[in-house]
Protein backbone atom coordinates (compact mmCIF):
# COMPACT_ATOMS: atom_id res chain seq x y z
CA MET A 1 133.89 131.71 175.82
CA THR A 2 131.40 130.17 173.76
CA HIS A 3 130.54 131.85 170.36
CA SER A 4 127.21 131.66 168.36
CA LEU A 5 126.77 129.54 165.84
CA ILE A 6 125.06 129.51 162.71
CA SER A 7 122.69 126.23 162.25
CA CYS A 8 123.98 123.80 160.15
CA GLU A 9 121.03 123.75 157.43
CA LEU A 10 122.74 128.02 156.54
CA HIS A 11 126.02 127.10 157.12
CA ASP A 12 125.47 124.62 154.04
CA TYR A 13 123.84 127.63 151.33
CA ILE A 14 127.36 129.31 152.62
CA GLU A 15 129.76 125.95 151.52
CA VAL A 16 127.35 125.67 148.32
CA ALA A 17 128.36 129.55 147.30
CA CYS A 18 131.86 128.95 147.57
CA MET A 19 131.83 125.57 145.93
CA TYR A 20 130.13 127.50 143.08
CA GLY A 21 131.79 130.83 143.30
CA TYR A 22 128.80 132.34 143.74
CA GLU A 23 128.83 136.27 143.72
CA VAL A 24 126.84 137.15 146.76
CA ARG A 25 125.46 140.22 148.63
CA LEU A 26 125.72 140.19 152.22
CA CYS A 27 123.84 142.12 154.42
CA LEU A 28 125.05 142.14 157.89
CA LYS A 29 122.96 142.81 161.30
CA ASP A 30 124.32 146.00 161.57
CA GLY A 31 123.39 147.31 158.44
CA SER A 32 126.55 147.36 155.97
CA VAL A 33 126.33 145.60 152.98
CA VAL A 34 129.46 143.60 151.03
CA THR A 35 129.44 142.04 148.07
CA GLY A 36 131.93 140.21 146.33
CA ARG A 37 132.56 136.24 145.32
CA ALA A 38 132.63 133.56 147.86
CA LYS A 39 135.24 131.88 148.24
CA ASP A 40 135.98 129.94 151.27
CA ILE A 41 135.38 129.50 155.06
CA LEU A 42 137.73 129.94 157.32
CA THR A 43 137.71 129.21 161.28
CA ASN A 44 140.55 130.83 163.51
CA ALA A 45 141.60 129.65 166.85
CA GLU A 46 139.07 130.71 169.21
CA LYS A 47 136.39 128.65 166.54
CA GLN A 48 135.07 132.01 164.76
CA GLU A 49 134.08 131.10 161.23
CA PHE A 50 134.44 133.60 158.34
CA LEU A 51 133.25 133.29 154.88
CA LEU A 52 135.90 134.62 152.55
CA LEU A 53 135.37 137.29 149.58
CA ASP A 54 136.75 138.38 146.78
CA THR A 55 135.62 141.79 146.81
CA GLU A 56 136.53 144.76 143.71
CA THR A 57 138.69 145.89 146.95
CA GLY A 58 140.25 142.75 147.69
CA THR A 59 140.05 139.62 149.91
CA GLN A 60 137.41 140.06 152.70
CA GLN A 61 136.48 138.25 155.84
CA VAL A 62 133.28 138.28 157.17
CA GLU A 63 131.76 136.47 160.57
CA LEU A 64 129.36 134.27 160.22
CA ILE A 65 127.45 135.12 162.74
CA LEU A 66 127.18 138.64 161.22
CA LEU A 67 125.54 137.89 158.44
CA ASP A 68 121.53 139.00 157.96
CA LYS A 69 121.07 137.75 154.58
CA MET A 70 122.68 136.11 151.55
CA GLN A 71 121.51 137.24 148.19
CA VAL A 72 122.81 135.72 145.33
CA LEU A 73 123.89 137.61 142.14
CA THR A 74 125.28 134.91 139.62
CA PRO A 75 122.68 133.86 137.21
CA HIS A 76 121.03 130.68 137.42
CA ALA A 77 122.00 129.76 140.95
CA LYS A 78 120.62 126.75 143.04
CA PHE A 79 118.90 129.62 145.07
CA SER A 80 118.65 133.16 145.31
CA GLU A 81 118.54 134.53 149.32
CA VAL A 82 119.06 133.27 152.32
CA ILE A 83 117.99 134.88 155.52
CA PHE A 84 120.03 133.99 158.64
CA ARG A 85 117.86 134.02 162.26
CA ASN A 86 118.80 133.00 165.43
CA PRO A 87 117.41 129.95 166.40
């Protein structure tokens, strides 16, 4: 089974968010919103990639291909918003 991947450029933004522990608001393609502190990127055995977030209700994993937009809520961050579009 093949999985869609996000571009390397977009992946870099997620890595920066994790490296600095940015507080982010994720808008997903299904219209839902998740807010939390970016912690790490995880890959499972099927090669799916997930952003690990610390949220008010605990740890949550969001599959990267589900992202539509990432807004950085941390003041003075290196970037403020990233739009995820399919190539």
